[in-house]
Amino acid sequence: MTRLLIIGPPGSGKGTQAVRITDRLGIVAISTGDIFRANVKGGTPLGLEAKKYMDAGDYVPDSVTNRMVRDRLQQDDVANGFLLDGYPRTSAQVDELDDILKEAGVELDVVLQLTADSDELVARLLKRAEIEGRADDTEDVIRHRLDVYEKQTQVVVDRYLERGIVRHVDGLGDIDEVTARVLTVLDVDPA
């Protein structure tokens, strides 16, 4: 069984690698964004509460996010493992995830951190913005997003570094090469 968390700055290929990892390992990908959208679409009480914040352009508070993740991690399809994407993002969320997993009698096996040079990420994101017509993704906006990521994520990474479960993988390069590096770090034959 593999229970892992994937972390990486915007543009590091986290979403692409998450799909490849879950396909290869036969585990479910759990993205907080997907959880929010599913709850909102399903009109669940948590979804209705989250929608109020999302419609106002605010972050969904930890209390709501934690309940959604708790609910999702109690579903049957996570029995063989999971890959979390977008959670935890704060020290308090790390504590909540610890509690959720402890209640289930399991632990997080690995935190996979995709790393990349900021200038390379900016170039990659500017190219993506041009291709996808994202006029608001200017270099200043992208650099700000990268700074926010660094500040928010470092406390989470530090908590898991203390446990010795963080594995760093260079997220730049050909997609297949990055996948091979990820699988090697996870002790999975990349062939």
Protein backbone atom coordinates (compact mmCIF):
# COMPACT_ATOMS: atom_id res chain seq x y z
CA MET A 1 0.00 0.00 0.00
CA THR A 2 1.17 3.49 -0.78
CA ARG A 3 -0.14 6.60 0.92
CA LEU A 4 1.62 9.64 -0.39
CA LEU A 5 1.45 13.38 -0.67
CA ILE A 6 2.70 15.24 -3.73
CA ILE A 7 3.94 18.80 -3.35
CA GLY A 8 5.38 21.08 -5.98
CA PRO A 9 5.36 24.69 -7.10
CA PRO A 10 3.02 25.92 -9.83
CA GLY A 11 4.29 24.67 -13.18
CA SER A 12 6.32 21.79 -11.76
CA GLY A 13 4.17 19.15 -13.47
CA LYS A 14 2.52 17.97 -10.25
CA GLY A 15 -0.85 17.27 -11.88
CA THR A 16 0.68 15.33 -14.77
CA GLN A 17 2.87 13.26 -12.45
CA ALA A 18 -0.02 12.62 -10.04
CA VAL A 19 -2.02 10.98 -12.85
CA ARG A 20 0.95 8.88 -13.94
CA ILE A 21 1.79 7.78 -10.37
CA THR A 22 -1.76 6.78 -9.50
CA ASP A 23 -2.16 4.89 -12.78
CA ARG A 24 1.11 3.03 -12.23
CA LEU A 25 0.49 2.22 -8.54
CA GLY A 26 -3.23 1.54 -8.87
CA ILE A 27 -4.13 4.04 -6.17
CA VAL A 28 -6.63 6.87 -6.10
CA ALA A 29 -5.68 10.52 -6.60
CA ILE A 30 -7.29 12.89 -4.12
CA SER A 31 -7.18 16.56 -5.02
CA THR A 32 -8.77 19.07 -2.68
CA GLY A 33 -9.94 21.01 -5.72
CA ASP A 34 -11.75 17.92 -7.00
CA ILE A 35 -13.24 17.30 -3.54
CA PHE A 36 -14.54 20.88 -3.40
CA ARG A 37 -16.06 20.64 -6.88
CA ALA A 38 -17.67 17.24 -6.19
CA ASN A 39 -19.23 18.46 -2.94
CA VAL A 40 -20.48 21.68 -4.53
CA LYS A 41 -21.89 19.82 -7.55
CA GLY A 42 -23.51 17.24 -5.27
CA GLY A 43 -25.06 19.95 -3.13
CA THR A 44 -23.72 18.38 0.08
CA PRO A 45 -23.89 20.45 3.28
CA LEU A 46 -20.09 20.81 3.17
CA GLY A 47 -20.27 21.73 -0.51
CA LEU A 48 -22.82 24.45 0.15
CA GLU A 49 -20.66 25.83 2.96
CA ALA A 50 -17.52 25.75 0.78
CA LYS A 51 -19.36 27.39 -2.13
CA LYS A 52 -20.04 30.50 -0.04
CA TYR A 53 -16.29 31.05 0.37
CA MET A 54 -15.39 30.06 -3.17
CA ASP A 55 -18.01 32.39 -4.68
CA ALA A 56 -16.58 35.25 -2.63
CA GLY A 57 -13.07 34.42 -3.87
CA ASP A 58 -11.93 33.45 -0.38
CA TYR A 59 -9.99 30.41 0.78
CA VAL A 60 -12.17 27.65 2.13
CA PRO A 61 -11.38 27.56 5.88
CA ASP A 62 -9.44 24.65 7.38
CA SER A 63 -12.52 23.51 9.31
CA VAL A 64 -14.44 22.87 6.08
CA THR A 65 -11.46 21.54 4.12
CA ASN A 66 -10.52 19.16 6.95
CA ARG A 67 -14.05 17.73 7.13
CA MET A 68 -14.11 17.17 3.36
CA VAL A 69 -10.73 15.42 3.39
CA ARG A 70 -11.74 13.32 6.41
CA ASP A 71 -14.90 12.24 4.60
CA ARG A 72 -12.98 11.45 1.40
CA LEU A 73 -10.31 9.40 3.20
CA GLN A 74 -13.01 7.25 4.80
CA GLN A 75 -14.30 6.03 1.44
CA ASP A 76 -13.61 2.45 0.36
CA ASP A 77 -11.48 3.27 -2.70
CA VAL A 78 -8.58 4.53 -0.54
CA ALA A 79 -8.04 1.13 1.10
CA ASN A 80 -5.17 0.28 -1.28
CA GLY A 81 -3.53 3.69 -0.96
CA PHE A 82 -3.90 7.24 -2.19
CA LEU A 83 -2.05 10.25 -3.48
CA LEU A 84 -3.01 13.58 -1.88
CA ASP A 85 -2.61 16.72 -3.98
CA GLY A 86 -3.26 20.15 -2.46
CA TYR A 87 -3.57 19.01 1.15
CA PRO A 88 -2.18 19.57 3.71
CA ARG A 89 -1.11 23.18 3.09
CA THR A 90 -0.71 24.35 6.69
CA SER A 91 0.78 23.01 9.90
CA ALA A 92 -2.73 22.70 11.36
CA GLN A 93 -3.77 20.61 8.34
CA VAL A 94 -0.75 18.34 8.91
CA ASP A 95 -2.04 17.74 12.45
CA GLU A 96 -5.54 17.02 11.15
CA LEU A 97 -4.24 14.60 8.51
CA ASP A 98 -2.20 12.84 11.21
CA ASP A 99 -5.38 12.42 13.27
CA ILE A 100 -7.40 11.15 10.30
CA LEU A 101 -4.73 8.58 9.39
CA LYS A 102 -4.17 7.54 13.01
CA GLU A 103 -7.89 6.82 13.39
CA ALA A 104 -7.64 4.61 10.28
CA GLY A 105 -4.54 2.88 11.70
CA VAL A 106 -2.25 4.01 8.87
CA GLU A 107 0.47 6.58 8.22
CA LEU A 108 1.68 8.66 5.32
CA ASP A 109 4.43 6.68 3.59
CA VAL A 110 6.13 9.37 1.55
CA VAL A 111 5.99 13.05 0.68
CA LEU A 112 7.08 13.54 -2.90
CA GLN A 113 8.36 17.07 -3.49
CA LEU A 114 8.85 18.11 -7.09
CA THR A 115 11.52 20.77 -7.28
CA ALA A 116 12.38 23.18 -10.05
CA ASP A 117 14.39 26.32 -10.68
CA SER A 118 12.16 29.41 -10.33
CA ASP A 119 13.34 30.99 -13.58
CA GLU A 120 12.58 27.77 -15.46
CA LEU A 121 9.13 27.63 -13.88
CA VAL A 122 8.43 31.24 -14.81
CA ALA A 123 9.40 30.52 -18.43
CA ARG A 124 7.25 27.37 -18.46
CA LEU A 125 4.23 29.17 -16.97
CA LEU A 126 4.57 32.15 -19.30
CA LYS A 127 4.59 29.77 -22.26
CA ARG A 128 1.53 27.95 -20.89
CA ALA A 129 -0.22 31.31 -20.33
CA GLU A 130 0.48 32.27 -23.94
CA ILE A 131 -0.80 28.94 -25.28
CA GLU A 132 -3.92 28.97 -23.09
CA GLY A 133 -4.58 32.70 -23.50
CA ARG A 134 -4.14 33.53 -19.82
CA ALA A 135 -3.47 37.26 -20.12
CA ASP A 136 -3.47 37.70 -16.33
CA ASP A 137 -0.52 35.30 -15.88
CA THR A 138 2.21 37.91 -16.15
CA GLU A 139 5.75 37.34 -14.94
CA ASP A 140 5.07 39.41 -11.79
CA VAL A 141 1.92 37.40 -10.99
CA ILE A 142 3.71 34.10 -11.58
CA ARG A 143 6.67 35.09 -9.40
CA HIS A 144 4.25 36.14 -6.66
CA ARG A 145 2.48 32.75 -6.86
CA LEU A 146 5.84 31.00 -6.57
CA ASP A 147 6.76 33.11 -3.52
CA VAL A 148 3.42 32.35 -1.85
CA TYR A 149 3.92 28.65 -2.57
CA GLU A 150 7.38 28.71 -0.97
CA LYS A 151 6.18 30.51 2.14
CA GLN A 152 3.05 28.38 2.60
CA THR A 153 4.60 25.04 1.79
CA GLN A 154 7.88 25.23 3.68
CA VAL A 155 6.28 24.64 7.08
CA VAL A 156 4.54 21.52 5.74
CA VAL A 157 7.73 20.21 4.14
CA ASP A 158 9.68 20.90 7.36
CA ARG A 159 7.19 18.85 9.39
CA TYR A 160 7.65 15.86 7.09
CA LEU A 161 11.42 16.34 6.81
CA GLU A 162 11.54 15.77 10.59
CA ARG A 163 9.93 12.38 9.97
CA GLY A 164 12.38 11.47 7.21
CA ILE A 165 9.70 10.76 4.60
CA VAL A 166 10.34 13.58 2.09
CA ARG A 167 11.75 12.58 -1.29
CA HIS A 168 12.90 15.33 -3.66
CA VAL A 169 12.58 14.87 -7.41
CA ASP A 170 13.65 17.33 -10.11
CA GLY A 171 10.40 18.27 -11.84
CA LEU A 172 12.05 19.75 -14.93
CA GLY A 173 12.75 17.94 -18.14
CA ASP A 174 10.88 15.55 -20.38
CA ILE A 175 7.64 14.26 -18.79
CA ASP A 176 8.72 10.62 -19.19
CA GLU A 177 12.12 11.36 -17.60
CA VAL A 178 10.45 13.03 -14.60
CA THR A 179 8.07 10.06 -14.25
CA ALA A 180 11.03 7.67 -14.30
CA ARG A 181 12.77 9.71 -11.57
CA VAL A 182 9.58 9.71 -9.48
CA LEU A 183 9.08 5.95 -9.81
CA THR A 184 12.74 5.31 -8.94
CA VAL A 185 12.40 7.41 -5.77
CA LEU A 186 9.25 5.44 -4.90
CA ASP A 187 11.14 2.15 -5.43
CA VAL A 188 8.92 1.22 -8.36
CA ASP A 189 10.50 -0.23 -11.48
CA PRO A 190 10.12 2.58 -14.06
CA ALA A 191 10.10 0.08 -16.96
